[in-house]
Amino acid sequence: MADLSVVAADVLPVLNTTIMRGTAGATITAGQALYLNTSTGRYVQAQADDAATDHVVGIAAHGASNGQPIQIITGGTVDLGVTLTVGEIYVLSASAAGGIAPESDLASTNYVSVIGVAQTADNMILSITNSAAQVP
């Protein structure tokens, strides 16, 4: 499989979502997985191929440019504007910064950060777990 082709214009908080605010540290698109760059205090795209960037805090609720305010969905149910496979576990991608992929896409040396589980073909329940475990 491949990373989800998230439709930025269709990303919506759906039910019982928790949203936090921060400052973008790069150009961000709605639906991208983000981490906090502790050296700058800004949020940027996470990626599973580097221990320094694999700690997901949430999903961008909207687009933002470097230095702009950003809202980050950290819990609840979200619609990413893409068809999901019900019951599939989705994780942080190693192939594209901010990408979300099915768990089966993780390869050797990737870091495992679970983002959520598809509840329906439209909605994902965010259940962010940053394991710091590396696929053997």
Foldseek 3Di string as FASTA:
>chain_A
DDFFPFDQVQKDADPPWDKDKFFAQAWDTFFFFWDQQVVVRHIWFAAFQDLNRFQTQATWHGTDGGGHMTMGTRFAKIFRRTFDDAFFWWWGHNPDGRTIDTPVRADAQTFTWTQFGHNHRGMTGGDTDGPRDGHD
